[in-house]
Structures are given as C-alpha cells and as structure tokens.
Amino acid sequence: MCDAMSMPPELENVARTGRVEGLGLLTATHSPRDYHRDLRRLVTEWVCFNMVEPKDLEAVRPYYSGVDKSRSCRMARLSRNNRESGAELAGRVF
C-alpha cells in the first residue's frame, strides 16, 4: 500500500527497475490524486473508467492528455492510452 506521500522501498524498487528486469507492475486506485507521483510518472498505460472529480483528472492529465474522455464513460466502459505508442482505445469490461 502507498499513498501520495509515501511508498514502501520494495514497491519503489520494482517500479523503478522492473522494466529493465522484464517485470510488469499492475496497480489500481480509486483516486489518482492519491497515487504516489513517482508511480504516476512511471505508468506506461492508463486505463480510466468514469472519472469526473476535477482533482483526479488534473492528476492524470500530465501523463494522459485525453483523460477527459473518461468523463463520459458509462458503467463498465473505459478509456485507455499507452504513453509509449500513443495508442488509444475505448472499450468495455462486460
């Protein structure tokens, strides 16, 4: 567990060096603004469901400029962006 201000050293190590070692890291949060900024900075793919809280949108916007698309996502629908390839996808879970 981590928050906006602290992250366990083990998680920080995986987040920072995992890609070089071939590790993937999947994380989730209800409130992106409470996500540790180092994790936000290292995310390569954002998957956003309905997100309307202005502070959450602003927390993600520097990393995913299309985050406002998530405002219109209905239940079980998502907006996805890969920062490395620039690919975007709209989808649904069920």
N, C-alpha and C. Protein backbone atom coordinates (compact mmCIF):
# COMPACT_ATOMS: atom_id res chain seq x y z
N MET A 1 0.84 -1.18 0.00
CA MET A 1 0.00 0.00 0.00
C MET A 1 0.89 1.25 0.00
N CYS A 2 0.45 2.25 -0.71
CA CYS A 2 1.15 3.52 -0.70
C CYS A 2 0.13 4.63 -0.88
N ASP A 3 0.57 5.84 -0.65
CA ASP A 3 -0.31 6.99 -0.85
C ASP A 3 0.49 8.06 -1.57
N ALA A 4 -0.06 9.25 -1.65
CA ALA A 4 0.58 10.33 -2.39
C ALA A 4 1.92 10.75 -1.81
N MET A 5 2.14 10.47 -0.53
CA MET A 5 3.35 10.96 0.13
C MET A 5 4.38 9.87 0.44
N SER A 6 3.98 8.61 0.47
CA SER A 6 4.93 7.56 0.84
C SER A 6 4.71 6.30 0.02
N MET A 7 5.82 5.58 -0.18
CA MET A 7 5.78 4.33 -0.92
C MET A 7 6.80 3.40 -0.29
N PRO A 8 6.44 2.14 -0.03
CA PRO A 8 7.41 1.21 0.54
C PRO A 8 8.61 1.07 -0.39
N PRO A 9 9.80 0.96 0.16
CA PRO A 9 11.01 0.86 -0.68
C PRO A 9 10.96 -0.31 -1.67
N GLU A 10 10.35 -1.42 -1.28
CA GLU A 10 10.26 -2.57 -2.17
C GLU A 10 9.43 -2.25 -3.42
N LEU A 11 8.32 -1.56 -3.22
CA LEU A 11 7.48 -1.16 -4.35
C LEU A 11 8.20 -0.15 -5.22
N GLU A 12 8.87 0.78 -4.61
CA GLU A 12 9.63 1.78 -5.37
C GLU A 12 10.70 1.10 -6.22
N ASN A 13 11.38 0.10 -5.67
CA ASN A 13 12.41 -0.62 -6.40
C ASN A 13 11.83 -1.35 -7.61
N VAL A 14 10.69 -2.02 -7.43
CA VAL A 14 10.05 -2.72 -8.55
C VAL A 14 9.59 -1.71 -9.60
N ALA A 15 9.00 -0.60 -9.17
CA ALA A 15 8.51 0.41 -10.11
C ALA A 15 9.65 1.02 -10.92
N ARG A 16 10.75 1.28 -10.27
CA ARG A 16 11.87 1.96 -10.96
C ARG A 16 12.72 1.02 -11.81
N THR A 17 12.91 -0.20 -11.38
CA THR A 17 13.83 -1.10 -12.09
C THR A 17 13.14 -2.26 -12.79
N GLY A 18 11.85 -2.42 -12.56
CA GLY A 18 11.14 -3.58 -13.11
C GLY A 18 11.20 -3.71 -14.61
N ARG A 19 11.05 -2.63 -15.32
CA ARG A 19 11.05 -2.70 -16.78
C ARG A 19 12.37 -3.24 -17.31
N VAL A 20 13.47 -2.79 -16.74
CA VAL A 20 14.80 -3.26 -17.15
C VAL A 20 14.94 -4.76 -16.90
N GLU A 21 14.32 -5.24 -15.83
CA GLU A 21 14.40 -6.65 -15.45
C GLU A 21 13.30 -7.49 -16.09
N GLY A 22 12.44 -6.86 -16.89
CA GLY A 22 11.36 -7.59 -17.55
C GLY A 22 10.14 -7.82 -16.67
N LEU A 23 9.99 -7.02 -15.61
CA LEU A 23 8.84 -7.14 -14.73
C LEU A 23 7.75 -6.15 -15.14
N GLY A 24 6.53 -6.58 -15.00
CA GLY A 24 5.40 -5.69 -15.19
C GLY A 24 4.81 -5.37 -13.82
N LEU A 25 4.20 -4.23 -13.69
CA LEU A 25 3.58 -3.83 -12.43
C LEU A 25 2.19 -3.32 -12.74
N LEU A 26 1.20 -3.94 -12.16
CA LEU A 26 -0.19 -3.54 -12.33
C LEU A 26 -0.67 -2.97 -11.01
N THR A 27 -1.15 -1.76 -11.04
CA THR A 27 -1.65 -1.12 -9.83
C THR A 27 -3.03 -0.55 -10.12
N ALA A 28 -3.75 -0.24 -9.07
CA ALA A 28 -5.09 0.33 -9.22
C ALA A 28 -5.36 1.30 -8.08
N THR A 29 -6.18 2.29 -8.37
CA THR A 29 -6.57 3.25 -7.36
C THR A 29 -7.96 3.79 -7.67
N HIS A 30 -8.67 4.16 -6.64
CA HIS A 30 -9.96 4.83 -6.84
C HIS A 30 -9.75 6.32 -7.04
N SER A 31 -8.63 6.83 -6.57
CA SER A 31 -8.38 8.26 -6.60
C SER A 31 -6.97 8.55 -7.10
N PRO A 32 -6.80 8.84 -8.38
CA PRO A 32 -5.47 9.07 -8.94
C PRO A 32 -4.66 10.16 -8.24
N ARG A 33 -5.33 11.14 -7.66
CA ARG A 33 -4.57 12.20 -6.99
C ARG A 33 -3.88 11.68 -5.73
N ASP A 34 -4.34 10.54 -5.21
CA ASP A 34 -3.70 9.93 -4.05
C ASP A 34 -2.61 8.94 -4.44
N TYR A 35 -2.41 8.75 -5.73
CA TYR A 35 -1.37 7.89 -6.25
C TYR A 35 -0.02 8.57 -6.05
N HIS A 36 0.97 7.86 -5.63
CA HIS A 36 2.29 8.47 -5.44
C HIS A 36 2.76 9.02 -6.79
N ARG A 37 3.30 10.22 -6.78
CA ARG A 37 3.68 10.88 -8.06
C ARG A 37 4.72 10.09 -8.84
N ASP A 38 5.62 9.36 -8.15
CA ASP A 38 6.60 8.55 -8.88
C ASP A 38 5.93 7.42 -9.64
N LEU A 39 4.88 6.84 -9.06
CA LEU A 39 4.14 5.81 -9.79
C LEU A 39 3.42 6.41 -10.99
N ARG A 40 2.78 7.57 -10.80
CA ARG A 40 2.10 8.22 -11.94
C ARG A 40 3.09 8.51 -13.06
N ARG A 41 4.27 8.94 -12.70
CA ARG A 41 5.28 9.30 -13.69
C ARG A 41 5.76 8.07 -14.48
N LEU A 42 5.78 6.91 -13.84
CA LEU A 42 6.30 5.69 -14.46
C LEU A 42 5.26 4.87 -15.21
N VAL A 43 4.00 5.23 -15.09
CA VAL A 43 2.94 4.48 -15.76
C VAL A 43 3.13 4.56 -17.27
N THR A 44 3.04 3.42 -17.94
CA THR A 44 3.12 3.42 -19.40
C THR A 44 1.74 3.29 -20.03
N GLU A 45 0.78 2.73 -19.30
CA GLU A 45 -0.55 2.58 -19.87
C GLU A 45 -1.60 2.94 -18.81
N TRP A 46 -2.43 3.93 -19.16
CA TRP A 46 -3.52 4.35 -18.27
C TRP A 46 -4.81 3.73 -18.76
N VAL A 47 -5.55 3.13 -17.84
CA VAL A 47 -6.89 2.64 -18.12
C VAL A 47 -7.81 3.37 -17.15
N CYS A 48 -8.68 4.20 -17.68
CA CYS A 48 -9.55 5.03 -16.85
C CYS A 48 -11.00 4.68 -17.08
N PHE A 49 -11.71 4.46 -15.99
CA PHE A 49 -13.15 4.28 -16.06
C PHE A 49 -13.77 5.65 -15.82
N ASN A 50 -15.03 5.72 -15.53
CA ASN A 50 -15.68 7.01 -15.32
C ASN A 50 -14.98 7.80 -14.23
N MET A 51 -14.42 8.92 -14.61
CA MET A 51 -13.70 9.76 -13.67
C MET A 51 -14.16 11.20 -13.90
N VAL A 52 -14.76 11.81 -12.88
CA VAL A 52 -15.29 13.15 -13.04
C VAL A 52 -14.73 14.14 -12.02
N GLU A 53 -14.09 13.65 -10.99
CA GLU A 53 -13.53 14.53 -9.95
C GLU A 53 -12.41 15.39 -10.57
N PRO A 54 -12.56 16.72 -10.56
CA PRO A 54 -11.57 17.59 -11.20
C PRO A 54 -10.12 17.35 -10.73
N LYS A 55 -9.91 17.13 -9.44
CA LYS A 55 -8.54 16.92 -8.96
C LYS A 55 -7.96 15.60 -9.46
N ASP A 56 -8.79 14.58 -9.62
CA ASP A 56 -8.32 13.32 -10.19
C ASP A 56 -7.94 13.50 -11.65
N LEU A 57 -8.79 14.22 -12.40
CA LEU A 57 -8.49 14.48 -13.81
C LEU A 57 -7.18 15.26 -13.95
N GLU A 58 -6.98 16.25 -13.12
CA GLU A 58 -5.76 17.06 -13.18
C GLU A 58 -4.52 16.24 -12.81
N ALA A 59 -4.68 15.26 -11.91
CA ALA A 59 -3.55 14.42 -11.51
C ALA A 59 -3.08 13.53 -12.66
N VAL A 60 -4.00 13.12 -13.53
CA VAL A 60 -3.68 12.22 -14.63
C VAL A 60 -3.31 12.99 -15.91
N ARG A 61 -3.86 14.18 -16.10
CA ARG A 61 -3.68 14.93 -17.34
C ARG A 61 -2.22 15.08 -17.82
N PRO A 62 -1.23 15.32 -16.94
CA PRO A 62 0.14 15.43 -17.45
C PRO A 62 0.67 14.15 -18.11
N TYR A 63 0.03 13.02 -17.83
CA TYR A 63 0.50 11.75 -18.34
C TYR A 63 -0.40 11.19 -19.43
N TYR A 64 -1.65 11.66 -19.47
CA TYR A 64 -2.64 11.19 -20.45
C TYR A 64 -3.52 12.39 -20.80
N SER A 65 -3.18 13.06 -21.87
CA SER A 65 -3.87 14.29 -22.25
C SER A 65 -5.35 14.05 -22.60
N GLY A 66 -5.71 12.84 -22.96
CA GLY A 66 -7.08 12.52 -23.31
C GLY A 66 -7.92 12.05 -22.14
N VAL A 67 -7.46 12.31 -20.94
CA VAL A 67 -8.15 11.81 -19.75
C VAL A 67 -9.60 12.29 -19.68
N ASP A 68 -9.92 13.41 -20.28
CA ASP A 68 -11.30 13.91 -20.22
C ASP A 68 -12.29 12.97 -20.90
N LYS A 69 -11.81 12.07 -21.74
CA LYS A 69 -12.69 11.08 -22.36
C LYS A 69 -13.32 10.19 -21.30
N SER A 70 -12.64 10.03 -20.17
CA SER A 70 -13.17 9.16 -19.12
C SER A 70 -14.40 9.77 -18.44
N ARG A 71 -14.60 11.08 -18.61
CA ARG A 71 -15.80 11.72 -18.03
C ARG A 71 -17.08 11.12 -18.58
N SER A 72 -17.05 10.70 -19.83
CA SER A 72 -18.26 10.20 -20.47
C SER A 72 -18.37 8.67 -20.45
N CYS A 73 -17.44 8.01 -19.81
CA CYS A 73 -17.50 6.54 -19.73
C CYS A 73 -18.66 6.12 -18.84
N ARG A 74 -19.52 5.29 -19.38
CA ARG A 74 -20.61 4.75 -18.57
C ARG A 74 -20.12 3.50 -17.85
N MET A 75 -20.96 2.90 -17.07
CA MET A 75 -20.61 1.72 -16.29
C MET A 75 -19.94 0.65 -17.15
N ALA A 76 -18.81 0.16 -16.65
CA ALA A 76 -18.03 -0.91 -17.27
C ALA A 76 -17.36 -0.50 -18.58
N ARG A 77 -17.36 0.77 -18.91
CA ARG A 77 -16.66 1.25 -20.11
C ARG A 77 -15.38 1.94 -19.70
N LEU A 78 -14.42 1.98 -20.61
CA LEU A 78 -13.12 2.53 -20.26
C LEU A 78 -12.50 3.29 -21.41
N SER A 79 -11.54 4.11 -21.04
CA SER A 79 -10.71 4.84 -21.99
C SER A 79 -9.28 4.43 -21.67
N ARG A 80 -8.52 4.04 -22.69
CA ARG A 80 -7.18 3.52 -22.45
C ARG A 80 -6.17 4.25 -23.33
N ASN A 81 -4.99 4.51 -22.78
CA ASN A 81 -3.94 5.19 -23.52
C ASN A 81 -2.59 4.58 -23.17
N ASN A 82 -1.79 4.27 -24.20
CA ASN A 82 -0.44 3.78 -24.00
C ASN A 82 0.50 4.94 -24.28
N ARG A 83 1.24 5.39 -23.25
CA ARG A 83 2.12 6.56 -23.40
C ARG A 83 3.27 6.30 -24.35
N GLU A 84 3.73 5.06 -24.46
CA GLU A 84 4.87 4.77 -25.32
C GLU A 84 4.49 4.76 -26.79
N SER A 85 3.36 4.13 -27.12
CA SER A 85 2.97 4.02 -28.53
C SER A 85 2.00 5.11 -28.95
N GLY A 86 1.34 5.75 -27.97
CA GLY A 86 0.33 6.75 -28.28
C GLY A 86 -1.01 6.15 -28.63
N ALA A 87 -1.11 4.83 -28.61
CA ALA A 87 -2.36 4.15 -28.97
C ALA A 87 -3.44 4.44 -27.94
N GLU A 88 -4.65 4.69 -28.43
CA GLU A 88 -5.81 4.90 -27.57
C GLU A 88 -6.87 3.89 -27.93
N LEU A 89 -7.63 3.50 -26.94
CA LEU A 89 -8.68 2.52 -27.14
C LEU A 89 -9.83 2.81 -26.20
N ALA A 90 -11.03 2.72 -26.70
CA ALA A 90 -12.22 2.78 -25.86
C ALA A 90 -12.75 1.36 -25.81
N GLY A 91 -13.20 0.94 -24.66
CA GLY A 91 -13.67 -0.45 -24.56
C GLY A 91 -14.68 -0.62 -23.45
N ARG A 92 -15.00 -1.87 -23.22
CA ARG A 92 -15.93 -2.20 -22.14
C ARG A 92 -15.49 -3.48 -21.49
N VAL A 93 -15.79 -3.60 -20.22
CA VAL A 93 -15.40 -4.77 -19.45
C VAL A 93 -16.42 -5.89 -19.64
N PHE A 94 -17.69 -5.54 -19.60
CA PHE A 94 -18.74 -6.54 -19.84
C PHE A 94 -19.93 -5.88 -20.48
